[in-house]
Amino acid sequence: MKNEPITPWSGPGNSNFKLFCMDKWFEHKDEIFQWTGRNTPEYDSTYYFKKHRWLLKTLYKESGGTVSPKR
């Protein structure tokens, strides 16, 4: 964790996977703005994460990260 940039989401309890998902959420919001001109989609991040959880997991693994199994 040394030399990693500090973000509003970094800190105890926020894993690299959570930070990756937040980054993808903001990328998604930027795409929505480019397509429609609206600043925010008609849904929130919770809906996005539930709808795309398997895609996010796959993208994270492909980027070199690992996902811990549920406890």
PDB file of N, CA and C in Angstrom:
ATOM      1  N   MET A   1       0.808  -1.174   0.000  1.00  0.00           N
ATOM      2  CA  MET A   1       0.000   0.000   0.000  1.00  0.00           C
ATOM      3  C   MET A   1       0.860   1.250   0.000  1.00  0.00           C
ATOM      4  N   LYS A   2       2.138   1.087   0.180  1.00  0.00           N
ATOM      5  CA  LYS A   2       3.050   2.206   0.191  1.00  0.00           C
ATOM      6  C   LYS A   2       3.131   2.818  -1.207  1.00  0.00           C
ATOM      7  N   ASN A   3       3.201   4.130  -1.270  1.00  0.00           N
ATOM      8  CA  ASN A   3       3.313   4.881  -2.518  1.00  0.00           C
ATOM      9  C   ASN A   3       2.055   4.828  -3.385  1.00  0.00           C
ATOM     10  N   GLU A   4       0.928   4.366  -2.846  1.00  0.00           N
ATOM     11  CA  GLU A   4      -0.322   4.396  -3.597  1.00  0.00           C
ATOM     12  C   GLU A   4      -0.966   5.750  -3.393  1.00  0.00           C
ATOM     13  N   PRO A   5      -1.623   6.285  -4.424  1.00  0.00           N
ATOM     14  CA  PRO A   5      -2.260   7.592  -4.273  1.00  0.00           C
ATOM     15  C   PRO A   5      -3.387   7.543  -3.239  1.00  0.00           C
ATOM     16  N   ILE A   6      -3.536   8.630  -2.506  1.00  0.00           N
ATOM     17  CA  ILE A   6      -4.604   8.731  -1.516  1.00  0.00           C
ATOM     18  C   ILE A   6      -5.842   9.264  -2.210  1.00  0.00           C
ATOM     19  N   THR A   7      -6.941   8.562  -2.043  1.00  0.00           N
ATOM     20  CA  THR A   7      -8.207   8.982  -2.632  1.00  0.00           C
ATOM     21  C   THR A   7      -9.234   9.111  -1.524  1.00  0.00           C
ATOM     22  N   PRO A   8     -10.377   9.738  -1.797  1.00  0.00           N
ATOM     23  CA  PRO A   8     -11.417   9.805  -0.772  1.00  0.00           C
ATOM     24  C   PRO A   8     -11.905   8.430  -0.333  1.00  0.00           C
ATOM     25  N   TRP A   9     -11.656   7.395  -1.140  1.00  0.00           N
ATOM     26  CA  TRP A   9     -12.155   6.054  -0.818  1.00  0.00           C
ATOM     27  C   TRP A   9     -11.083   5.172  -0.222  1.00  0.00           C
ATOM     28  N   SER A  10      -9.827   5.664  -0.190  1.00  0.00           N
ATOM     29  CA  SER A  10      -8.779   4.815   0.366  1.00  0.00           C
ATOM     30  C   SER A  10      -8.828   4.874   1.884  1.00  0.00           C
ATOM     31  N   GLY A  11      -8.323   3.857   2.486  1.00  0.00           N
ATOM     32  CA  GLY A  11      -8.316   3.805   3.941  1.00  0.00           C
ATOM     33  C   GLY A  11      -8.709   2.422   4.403  1.00  0.00           C
ATOM     34  N   PRO A  12      -8.778   2.242   5.718  1.00  0.00           N
ATOM     35  CA  PRO A  12      -9.127   0.926   6.243  1.00  0.00           C
ATOM     36  C   PRO A  12     -10.514   0.494   5.780  1.00  0.00           C
ATOM     37  N   GLY A  13     -10.631  -0.731   5.361  1.00  0.00           N
ATOM     38  CA  GLY A  13     -11.927  -1.250   4.934  1.00  0.00           C
ATOM     39  C   GLY A  13     -12.192  -1.105   3.453  1.00  0.00           C
ATOM     40  N   ASN A  14     -11.379  -0.355   2.744  1.00  0.00           N
ATOM     41  CA  ASN A  14     -11.558  -0.201   1.306  1.00  0.00           C
ATOM     42  C   ASN A  14     -10.466  -0.972   0.587  1.00  0.00           C
ATOM     43  N   SER A  15     -10.855  -2.070  -0.013  1.00  0.00           N
ATOM     44  CA  SER A  15      -9.911  -2.925  -0.711  1.00  0.00           C
ATOM     45  C   SER A  15      -9.605  -2.363  -2.093  1.00  0.00           C
ATOM     46  N   ASN A  16      -8.586  -2.922  -2.714  1.00  0.00           N
ATOM     47  CA  ASN A  16      -8.265  -2.531  -4.086  1.00  0.00           C
ATOM     48  C   ASN A  16      -9.440  -2.821  -5.018  1.00  0.00           C
ATOM     49  N   PHE A  17     -10.173  -3.899  -4.728  1.00  0.00           N
ATOM     50  CA  PHE A  17     -11.337  -4.234  -5.550  1.00  0.00           C
ATOM     51  C   PHE A  17     -12.416  -3.152  -5.451  1.00  0.00           C
ATOM     52  N   LYS A  18     -12.673  -2.676  -4.243  1.00  0.00           N
ATOM     53  CA  LYS A  18     -13.666  -1.607  -4.076  1.00  0.00           C
ATOM     54  C   LYS A  18     -13.239  -0.345  -4.810  1.00  0.00           C
ATOM     55  N   LEU A  19     -11.951  -0.023  -4.726  1.00  0.00           N
ATOM     56  CA  LEU A  19     -11.452   1.153  -5.438  1.00  0.00           C
ATOM     57  C   LEU A  19     -11.573   0.962  -6.947  1.00  0.00           C
ATOM     58  N   PHE A  20     -11.301  -0.250  -7.416  1.00  0.00           N
ATOM     59  CA  PHE A  20     -11.443  -0.564  -8.837  1.00  0.00           C
ATOM     60  C   PHE A  20     -12.895  -0.369  -9.274  1.00  0.00           C
ATOM     61  N   CYS A  21     -13.835  -0.858  -8.470  1.00  0.00           N
ATOM     62  CA  CYS A  21     -15.259  -0.732  -8.798  1.00  0.00           C
ATOM     63  C   CYS A  21     -15.693   0.732  -8.826  1.00  0.00           C
ATOM     64  N   MET A  22     -15.210   1.514  -7.885  1.00  0.00           N
ATOM     65  CA  MET A  22     -15.556   2.937  -7.880  1.00  0.00           C
ATOM     66  C   MET A  22     -15.019   3.626  -9.127  1.00  0.00           C
ATOM     67  N   ASP A  23     -13.818   3.254  -9.539  1.00  0.00           N
ATOM     68  CA  ASP A  23     -13.237   3.817 -10.752  1.00  0.00           C
ATOM     69  C   ASP A  23     -14.094   3.476 -11.964  1.00  0.00           C
ATOM     70  N   LYS A  24     -14.553   2.232 -12.036  1.00  0.00           N
ATOM     71  CA  LYS A  24     -15.414   1.811 -13.155  1.00  0.00           C
ATOM     72  C   LYS A  24     -16.753   2.547 -13.125  1.00  0.00           C
ATOM     73  N   TRP A  25     -17.274   2.811 -11.916  1.00  0.00           N
ATOM     74  CA  TRP A  25     -18.526   3.564 -11.789  1.00  0.00           C
ATOM     75  C   TRP A  25     -18.356   4.967 -12.373  1.00  0.00           C
ATOM     76  N   PHE A  26     -17.249   5.624 -12.054  1.00  0.00           N
ATOM     77  CA  PHE A  26     -17.021   6.974 -12.567  1.00  0.00           C
ATOM     78  C   PHE A  26     -16.775   6.959 -14.076  1.00  0.00           C
ATOM     79  N   GLU A  27     -16.111   5.934 -14.583  1.00  0.00           N
ATOM     80  CA  GLU A  27     -15.964   5.788 -16.036  1.00  0.00           C
ATOM     81  C   GLU A  27     -17.336   5.640 -16.688  1.00  0.00           C
ATOM     82  N   HIS A  28     -18.203   4.851 -16.074  1.00  0.00           N
ATOM     83  CA  HIS A  28     -19.552   4.632 -16.584  1.00  0.00           C
ATOM     84  C   HIS A  28     -20.340   5.943 -16.604  1.00  0.00           C
ATOM     85  N   LYS A  29     -20.231   6.714 -15.520  1.00  0.00           N
ATOM     86  CA  LYS A  29     -20.922   8.005 -15.463  1.00  0.00           C
ATOM     87  C   LYS A  29     -20.432   8.940 -16.570  1.00  0.00           C
ATOM     88  N   ASP A  30     -19.117   8.925 -16.842  1.00  0.00           N
ATOM     89  CA  ASP A  30     -18.564   9.742 -17.927  1.00  0.00           C
ATOM     90  C   ASP A  30     -19.130   9.305 -19.278  1.00  0.00           C
ATOM     91  N   GLU A  31     -19.254   7.987 -19.481  1.00  0.00           N
ATOM     92  CA  GLU A  31     -19.835   7.476 -20.734  1.00  0.00           C
ATOM     93  C   GLU A  31     -21.281   7.915 -20.884  1.00  0.00           C
ATOM     94  N   ILE A  32     -22.055   7.849 -19.810  1.00  0.00           N
ATOM     95  CA  ILE A  32     -23.456   8.281 -19.852  1.00  0.00           C
ATOM     96  C   ILE A  32     -23.528   9.750 -20.241  1.00  0.00           C
ATOM     97  N   PHE A  33     -22.642  10.570 -19.673  1.00  0.00           N
ATOM     98  CA  PHE A  33     -22.628  11.995 -19.999  1.00  0.00           C
ATOM     99  C   PHE A  33     -22.308  12.204 -21.476  1.00  0.00           C
ATOM    100  N   GLN A  34     -21.335  11.456 -22.010  1.00  0.00           N
ATOM    101  CA  GLN A  34     -20.972  11.585 -23.419  1.00  0.00           C
ATOM    102  C   GLN A  34     -22.113  11.165 -24.334  1.00  0.00           C
ATOM    103  N   TRP A  35     -22.836  10.124 -23.965  1.00  0.00           N
ATOM    104  CA  TRP A  35     -23.921   9.620 -24.803  1.00  0.00           C
ATOM    105  C   TRP A  35     -25.159  10.498 -24.739  1.00  0.00           C
ATOM    106  N   THR A  36     -25.511  10.950 -23.532  1.00  0.00           N
ATOM    107  CA  THR A  36     -26.810  11.604 -23.350  1.00  0.00           C
ATOM    108  C   THR A  36     -26.718  13.079 -22.994  1.00  0.00           C
ATOM    109  N   GLY A  37     -25.576  13.523 -22.491  1.00  0.00           N
ATOM    110  CA  GLY A  37     -25.450  14.901 -22.041  1.00  0.00           C
ATOM    111  C   GLY A  37     -25.950  15.122 -20.623  1.00  0.00           C
ATOM    112  N   ARG A  38     -26.459  14.054 -19.985  1.00  0.00           N
ATOM    113  CA  ARG A  38     -26.913  14.154 -18.587  1.00  0.00           C
ATOM    114  C   ARG A  38     -25.737  13.904 -17.663  1.00  0.00           C
ATOM    115  N   ASN A  39     -25.681  14.668 -16.570  1.00  0.00           N
ATOM    116  CA  ASN A  39     -24.571  14.524 -15.619  1.00  0.00           C
ATOM    117  C   ASN A  39     -24.633  13.228 -14.829  1.00  0.00           C
ATOM    118  N   THR A  40     -25.816  12.734 -14.559  1.00  0.00           N
ATOM    119  CA  THR A  40     -25.946  11.513 -13.773  1.00  0.00           C
ATOM    120  C   THR A  40     -26.904  10.550 -14.461  1.00  0.00           C
ATOM    121  N   PRO A  41     -26.644   9.255 -14.327  1.00  0.00           N
ATOM    122  CA  PRO A  41     -27.602   8.278 -14.860  1.00  0.00           C
ATOM    123  C   PRO A  41     -28.865   8.262 -14.004  1.00  0.00           C
ATOM    124  N   GLU A  42     -29.851   7.523 -14.445  1.00  0.00           N
ATOM    125  CA  GLU A  42     -31.134   7.450 -13.735  1.00  0.00           C
ATOM    126  C   GLU A  42     -31.099   6.456 -12.575  1.00  0.00           C
ATOM    127  N   TYR A  43     -29.934   5.967 -12.226  1.00  0.00           N
ATOM    128  CA  TYR A  43     -29.786   4.992 -11.142  1.00  0.00           C
ATOM    129  C   TYR A  43     -28.520   5.334 -10.368  1.00  0.00           C
ATOM    130  N   ASP A  44     -28.362   4.717  -9.214  1.00  0.00           N
ATOM    131  CA  ASP A  44     -27.208   5.022  -8.374  1.00  0.00           C
ATOM    132  C   ASP A  44     -26.143   3.932  -8.480  1.00  0.00           C
ATOM    133  N   SER A  45     -25.045   4.148  -7.766  1.00  0.00           N
ATOM    134  CA  SER A  45     -23.926   3.209  -7.834  1.00  0.00           C
ATOM    135  C   SER A  45     -24.296   1.835  -7.277  1.00  0.00           C
ATOM    136  N   THR A  46     -25.178   1.782  -6.289  1.00  0.00           N
ATOM    137  CA  THR A  46     -25.586   0.497  -5.716  1.00  0.00           C
ATOM    138  C   THR A  46     -26.240  -0.372  -6.784  1.00  0.00           C
ATOM    139  N   TYR A  47     -27.141   0.202  -7.566  1.00  0.00           N
ATOM    140  CA  TYR A  47     -27.784  -0.533  -8.656  1.00  0.00           C
ATOM    141  C   TYR A  47     -26.738  -0.991  -9.677  1.00  0.00           C
ATOM    142  N   TYR A  48     -25.835  -0.097 -10.042  1.00  0.00           N
ATOM    143  CA  TYR A  48     -24.794  -0.417 -11.022  1.00  0.00           C
ATOM    144  C   TYR A  48     -23.938  -1.588 -10.546  1.00  0.00           C
ATOM    145  N   PHE A  49     -23.520  -1.550  -9.271  1.00  0.00           N
ATOM    146  CA  PHE A  49     -22.674  -2.621  -8.752  1.00  0.00           C
ATOM    147  C   PHE A  49     -23.419  -3.949  -8.695  1.00  0.00           C
ATOM    148  N   LYS A  50     -24.686  -3.932  -8.317  1.00  0.00           N
ATOM    149  CA  LYS A  50     -25.466  -5.171  -8.279  1.00  0.00           C
ATOM    150  C   LYS A  50     -25.683  -5.727  -9.678  1.00  0.00           C
ATOM    151  N   LYS A  51     -25.967  -4.856 -10.612  1.00  0.00           N
ATOM    152  CA  LYS A  51     -26.266  -5.271 -11.988  1.00  0.00           C
ATOM    153  C   LYS A  51     -25.017  -5.825 -12.690  1.00  0.00           C
ATOM    154  N   HIS A  52     -23.851  -5.266 -12.390  1.00  0.00           N
ATOM    155  CA  HIS A  52     -22.628  -5.607 -13.120  1.00  0.00           C
ATOM    156  C   HIS A  52     -21.564  -6.274 -12.263  1.00  0.00           C
ATOM    157  N   ARG A  53     -21.962  -6.897 -11.150  1.00  0.00           N
ATOM    158  CA  ARG A  53     -20.970  -7.453 -10.223  1.00  0.00           C
ATOM    159  C   ARG A  53     -20.088  -8.512 -10.867  1.00  0.00           C
ATOM    160  N   TRP A  54     -20.639  -9.346 -11.734  1.00  0.00           N
ATOM    161  CA  TRP A  54     -19.825 -10.400 -12.340  1.00  0.00           C
ATOM    162  C   TRP A  54     -18.891  -9.823 -13.392  1.00  0.00           C
ATOM    163  N   LEU A  55     -19.350  -8.832 -14.124  1.00  0.00           N
ATOM    164  CA  LEU A  55     -18.482  -8.164 -15.094  1.00  0.00           C
ATOM    165  C   LEU A  55     -17.334  -7.460 -14.368  1.00  0.00           C
ATOM    166  N   LEU A  56     -17.637  -6.758 -13.284  1.00  0.00           N
ATOM    167  CA  LEU A  56     -16.604  -6.060 -12.526  1.00  0.00           C
ATOM    168  C   LEU A  56     -15.578  -7.037 -11.963  1.00  0.00           C
ATOM    169  N   LYS A  57     -16.048  -8.172 -11.468  1.00  0.00           N
ATOM    170  CA  LYS A  57     -15.144  -9.186 -10.927  1.00  0.00           C
ATOM    171  C   LYS A  57     -14.219  -9.704 -12.021  1.00  0.00           C
ATOM    172  N   THR A  58     -14.780  -9.994 -13.194  1.00  0.00           N
ATOM    173  CA  THR A  58     -13.991 -10.492 -14.318  1.00  0.00           C
ATOM    174  C   THR A  58     -12.972  -9.458 -14.775  1.00  0.00           C
ATOM    175  N   LEU A  59     -13.407  -8.201 -14.914  1.00  0.00           N
ATOM    176  CA  LEU A  59     -12.488  -7.139 -15.338  1.00  0.00           C
ATOM    177  C   LEU A  59     -11.354  -6.957 -14.333  1.00  0.00           C
ATOM    178  N   TYR A  60     -11.684  -7.039 -13.056  1.00  0.00           N
ATOM    179  CA  TYR A  60     -10.665  -6.885 -12.020  1.00  0.00           C
ATOM    180  C   TYR A  60      -9.641  -8.015 -12.090  1.00  0.00           C
ATOM    181  N   LYS A  61     -10.113  -9.233 -12.247  1.00  0.00           N
ATOM    182  CA  LYS A  61      -9.201 -10.371 -12.347  1.00  0.00           C
ATOM    183  C   LYS A  61      -8.316 -10.252 -13.587  1.00  0.00           C
ATOM    184  N   GLU A  62      -8.907  -9.807 -14.712  1.00  0.00           N
ATOM    185  CA  GLU A  62      -8.142  -9.653 -15.948  1.00  0.00           C
ATOM    186  C   GLU A  62      -7.104  -8.539 -15.836  1.00  0.00           C
ATOM    187  N   SER A  63      -7.355  -7.571 -14.954  1.00  0.00           N
ATOM    188  CA  SER A  63      -6.401  -6.476 -14.785  1.00  0.00           C
ATOM    189  C   SER A  63      -5.246  -6.859 -13.873  1.00  0.00           C
ATOM    190  N   GLY A  64      -5.265  -8.080 -13.376  1.00  0.00           N
ATOM    191  CA  GLY A  64      -4.169  -8.558 -12.539  1.00  0.00           C
ATOM    192  C   GLY A  64      -4.506  -8.609 -11.062  1.00  0.00           C
ATOM    193  N   GLY A  65      -5.703  -8.180 -10.704  1.00  0.00           N
ATOM    194  CA  GLY A  65      -6.123  -8.240  -9.309  1.00  0.00           C
ATOM    195  C   GLY A  65      -6.666  -9.605  -8.975  1.00  0.00           C
ATOM    196  N   THR A  66      -6.871  -9.828  -7.742  1.00  0.00           N
ATOM    197  CA  THR A  66      -7.512 -11.060  -7.290  1.00  0.00           C
ATOM    198  C   THR A  66      -8.697 -10.696  -6.448  1.00  0.00           C
ATOM    199  N   VAL A  67      -9.686 -11.542  -6.436  1.00  0.00           N
ATOM    200  CA  VAL A  67     -10.902 -11.313  -5.668  1.00  0.00           C
ATOM    201  C   VAL A  67     -10.967 -12.344  -4.557  1.00  0.00           C
ATOM    202  N   SER A  68     -11.113 -11.876  -3.347  1.00  0.00           N
ATOM    203  CA  SER A  68     -11.222 -12.785  -2.208  1.00  0.00           C
ATOM    204  C   SER A  68     -12.579 -13.463  -2.220  1.00  0.00           C
ATOM    205  N   PRO A  69     -12.662 -14.747  -1.857  1.00  0.00           N
ATOM    206  CA  PRO A  69     -13.959 -15.404  -1.793  1.00  0.00           C
ATOM    207  C   PRO A  69     -14.778 -14.838  -0.643  1.00  0.00           C
ATOM    208  N   LYS A  70     -16.109 -14.920  -0.738  1.00  0.00           N
ATOM    209  CA  LYS A  70     -16.983 -14.457   0.330  1.00  0.00           C
ATOM    210  C   LYS A  70     -16.778 -15.316   1.556  1.00  0.00           C
ATOM    211  N   ARG A  71     -16.893 -14.709   2.720  1.00  0.00           N
ATOM    212  CA  ARG A  71     -16.749 -15.457   3.966  1.00  0.00           C
ATOM    213  C   ARG A  71     -18.087 -15.880   4.464  1.00  0.00           C
TER     214      ARG A  71
END
